[in-house]
Amino acid sequence: MTTTNFTLNNTAITVYQNGLEETITFNGKSVSQKNTLFGTRHEFVIENDNYEVITAFDYTSRWDNKVQFRKNGKLLEEKRMQAGFLTQTAALIILATATILLLKIF
């Protein structure tokens, strides 16, 4: 499991990722939970403010996870962290399969 923490004006937002599921907590209270392997968008409202936590697996260069924290559409912070073993393994299998399929086509 990987954890990413954001702190803004005494507000703690934590993103827990275990490879198949993500959970977002806001000051210790769970506000969003979704199944995912390569990332997703979490949206929730706290005290009339719209928050988004966007996660994505970056397979183009660093093979890590990118996590963005937004409030009312404005990017407040972005962090990168090592992707989990399950995510990296799934990406390798998909990449290898795509390569084999392309070689068969051409």
C-alpha atoms as a PDB file:
ATOM      1  CA  MET A   1       0.000   0.000   0.000  1.00  0.00           C
ATOM      2  CA  THR A   2       1.205   3.498  -0.797  1.00  0.00           C
ATOM      3  CA  THR A   3       0.136   6.670   0.931  1.00  0.00           C
ATOM      4  CA  THR A   4       0.261  10.268  -0.261  1.00  0.00           C
ATOM      5  CA  ASN A   5      -0.422  13.123   2.159  1.00  0.00           C
ATOM      6  CA  PHE A   6      -1.444  16.679   1.380  1.00  0.00           C
ATOM      7  CA  THR A   7      -1.754  19.400   4.008  1.00  0.00           C
ATOM      8  CA  LEU A   8      -3.427  22.713   3.264  1.00  0.00           C
ATOM      9  CA  ASN A   9      -4.478  25.259   5.895  1.00  0.00           C
ATOM     10  CA  ASN A  10      -4.563  22.643   8.672  1.00  0.00           C
ATOM     11  CA  THR A  11      -6.532  20.264   6.440  1.00  0.00           C
ATOM     12  CA  ALA A  12      -5.087  16.775   5.988  1.00  0.00           C
ATOM     13  CA  ILE A  13      -5.950  14.871   2.824  1.00  0.00           C
ATOM     14  CA  THR A  14      -4.582  11.345   2.510  1.00  0.00           C
ATOM     15  CA  VAL A  15      -4.648   9.071  -0.538  1.00  0.00           C
ATOM     16  CA  TYR A  16      -4.314   5.358   0.204  1.00  0.00           C
ATOM     17  CA  GLN A  17      -3.576   3.110  -2.778  1.00  0.00           C
ATOM     18  CA  ASN A  18      -3.291  -0.669  -2.599  1.00  0.00           C
ATOM     19  CA  GLY A  19      -3.089  -1.433  -6.321  1.00  0.00           C
ATOM     20  CA  LEU A  20      -6.774  -2.213  -6.839  1.00  0.00           C
ATOM     21  CA  GLU A  21      -8.496   0.366  -4.661  1.00  0.00           C
ATOM     22  CA  GLU A  22      -8.010   3.964  -3.583  1.00  0.00           C
ATOM     23  CA  THR A  23      -9.423   5.631  -0.505  1.00  0.00           C
ATOM     24  CA  ILE A  24      -9.361   9.384   0.138  1.00  0.00           C
ATOM     25  CA  THR A  25      -9.625  10.735   3.673  1.00  0.00           C
ATOM     26  CA  PHE A  26     -10.258  14.361   4.600  1.00  0.00           C
ATOM     27  CA  ASN A  27      -9.108  15.138   8.169  1.00  0.00           C
ATOM     28  CA  GLY A  28      -9.306  11.419   8.935  1.00  0.00           C
ATOM     29  CA  LYS A  29     -12.825  10.920   7.528  1.00  0.00           C
ATOM     30  CA  SER A  30     -13.255   8.747   4.422  1.00  0.00           C
ATOM     31  CA  VAL A  31     -14.776  10.863   1.621  1.00  0.00           C
ATOM     32  CA  SER A  32     -14.215   8.710  -1.479  1.00  0.00           C
ATOM     33  CA  GLN A  33     -13.360   5.125  -2.328  1.00  0.00           C
ATOM     34  CA  LYS A  34     -12.988   3.650  -5.819  1.00  0.00           C
ATOM     35  CA  ASN A  35     -11.627   0.534  -7.468  1.00  0.00           C
ATOM     36  CA  THR A  36      -8.802   1.309  -9.859  1.00  0.00           C
ATOM     37  CA  LEU A  37      -5.562  -0.058 -11.241  1.00  0.00           C
ATOM     38  CA  PHE A  38      -4.125   2.821 -13.248  1.00  0.00           C
ATOM     39  CA  GLY A  39      -5.809   5.845 -11.632  1.00  0.00           C
ATOM     40  CA  THR A  40      -9.112   7.618 -11.323  1.00  0.00           C
ATOM     41  CA  ARG A  41     -10.807  10.876 -10.330  1.00  0.00           C
ATOM     42  CA  HIS A  42     -12.293  11.354  -6.872  1.00  0.00           C
ATOM     43  CA  GLU A  43     -14.730  14.239  -6.433  1.00  0.00           C
ATOM     44  CA  PHE A  44     -16.261  15.373  -3.156  1.00  0.00           C
ATOM     45  CA  VAL A  45     -17.712  18.510  -1.566  1.00  0.00           C
ATOM     46  CA  ILE A  46     -16.669  19.836   1.847  1.00  0.00           C
ATOM     47  CA  GLU A  47     -18.190  23.059   3.210  1.00  0.00           C
ATOM     48  CA  ASN A  48     -19.319  24.278  -0.254  1.00  0.00           C
ATOM     49  CA  ASP A  49     -15.885  23.695  -1.792  1.00  0.00           C
ATOM     50  CA  ASN A  50     -15.437  21.185  -4.611  1.00  0.00           C
ATOM     51  CA  TYR A  51     -12.389  18.962  -4.213  1.00  0.00           C
ATOM     52  CA  GLU A  52     -10.793  16.579  -6.677  1.00  0.00           C
ATOM     53  CA  VAL A  53      -8.048  14.061  -6.194  1.00  0.00           C
ATOM     54  CA  ILE A  54      -6.817  12.731  -9.529  1.00  0.00           C
ATOM     55  CA  THR A  55      -4.510   9.741  -9.661  1.00  0.00           C
ATOM     56  CA  ALA A  56      -2.767   8.401 -12.754  1.00  0.00           C
ATOM     57  CA  PHE A  57      -0.072   5.864 -13.587  1.00  0.00           C
ATOM     58  CA  ASP A  58       2.660   7.493 -15.699  1.00  0.00           C
ATOM     59  CA  TYR A  59       3.790   4.770 -18.082  1.00  0.00           C
ATOM     60  CA  THR A  60       5.547   7.135 -20.500  1.00  0.00           C
ATOM     61  CA  SER A  61       8.721   7.850 -18.601  1.00  0.00           C
ATOM     62  CA  ARG A  62       8.948   7.342 -14.866  1.00  0.00           C
ATOM     63  CA  TRP A  63       6.574   4.413 -14.252  1.00  0.00           C
ATOM     64  CA  ASP A  64       5.256   6.054 -11.114  1.00  0.00           C
ATOM     65  CA  ASN A  65       1.947   7.368  -9.800  1.00  0.00           C
ATOM     66  CA  LYS A  66       0.982  11.010 -10.142  1.00  0.00           C
ATOM     67  CA  VAL A  67      -1.483  12.390  -7.596  1.00  0.00           C
ATOM     68  CA  GLN A  68      -3.079  15.835  -8.040  1.00  0.00           C
ATOM     69  CA  PHE A  69      -5.062  17.689  -5.411  1.00  0.00           C
ATOM     70  CA  ARG A  70      -7.507  20.350  -6.679  1.00  0.00           C
ATOM     71  CA  LYS A  71      -9.899  22.703  -4.924  1.00  0.00           C
ATOM     72  CA  ASN A  72     -12.660  24.416  -6.930  1.00  0.00           C
ATOM     73  CA  GLY A  73     -10.891  23.434 -10.156  1.00  0.00           C
ATOM     74  CA  LYS A  74      -7.537  24.954  -9.180  1.00  0.00           C
ATOM     75  CA  LEU A  75      -4.482  22.699  -8.943  1.00  0.00           C
ATOM     76  CA  LEU A  76      -3.082  23.151  -5.440  1.00  0.00           C
ATOM     77  CA  GLU A  77      -0.433  20.458  -5.384  1.00  0.00           C
ATOM     78  CA  GLU A  78       0.902  17.512  -7.357  1.00  0.00           C
ATOM     79  CA  LYS A  79       3.018  14.680  -6.011  1.00  0.00           C
ATOM     80  CA  ARG A  80       4.653  11.638  -7.519  1.00  0.00           C
ATOM     81  CA  MET A  81       5.303   8.360  -5.792  1.00  0.00           C
ATOM     82  CA  GLN A  82       6.577   4.915  -6.660  1.00  0.00           C
ATOM     83  CA  ALA A  83       3.869   2.789  -8.241  1.00  0.00           C
ATOM     84  CA  GLY A  84       2.979  -0.452  -6.516  1.00  0.00           C
ATOM     85  CA  PHE A  85       4.182  -3.849  -7.705  1.00  0.00           C
ATOM     86  CA  LEU A  86       0.728  -4.857  -8.962  1.00  0.00           C
ATOM     87  CA  THR A  87       0.348  -1.701 -11.060  1.00  0.00           C
ATOM     88  CA  GLN A  88       3.824  -2.021 -12.582  1.00  0.00           C
ATOM     89  CA  THR A  89       3.319  -5.720 -13.333  1.00  0.00           C
ATOM     90  CA  ALA A  90      -0.050  -5.094 -14.995  1.00  0.00           C
ATOM     91  CA  ALA A  91       1.495  -2.300 -17.081  1.00  0.00           C
ATOM     92  CA  LEU A  92       4.316  -4.604 -18.220  1.00  0.00           C
ATOM     93  CA  ILE A  93       1.858  -7.331 -19.215  1.00  0.00           C
ATOM     94  CA  ILE A  94      -0.283  -4.860 -21.181  1.00  0.00           C
ATOM     95  CA  LEU A  95       2.781  -3.353 -22.874  1.00  0.00           C
ATOM     96  CA  ALA A  96       4.135  -6.793 -23.826  1.00  0.00           C
ATOM     97  CA  THR A  97       0.739  -7.918 -25.142  1.00  0.00           C
ATOM     98  CA  ALA A  98       0.331  -4.740 -27.205  1.00  0.00           C
ATOM     99  CA  THR A  99       3.821  -5.178 -28.656  1.00  0.00           C
ATOM    100  CA  ILE A 100       3.123  -8.787 -29.655  1.00  0.00           C
ATOM    101  CA  LEU A 101      -0.208  -7.809 -31.250  1.00  0.00           C
ATOM    102  CA  LEU A 102       1.415  -4.993 -33.211  1.00  0.00           C
ATOM    103  CA  LEU A 103       4.179  -7.294 -34.443  1.00  0.00           C
ATOM    104  CA  LYS A 104       1.564  -9.766 -35.703  1.00  0.00           C
ATOM    105  CA  ILE A 105      -0.307  -7.019 -37.557  1.00  0.00           C
ATOM    106  CA  PHE A 106       2.773  -5.743 -39.359  1.00  0.00           C
END
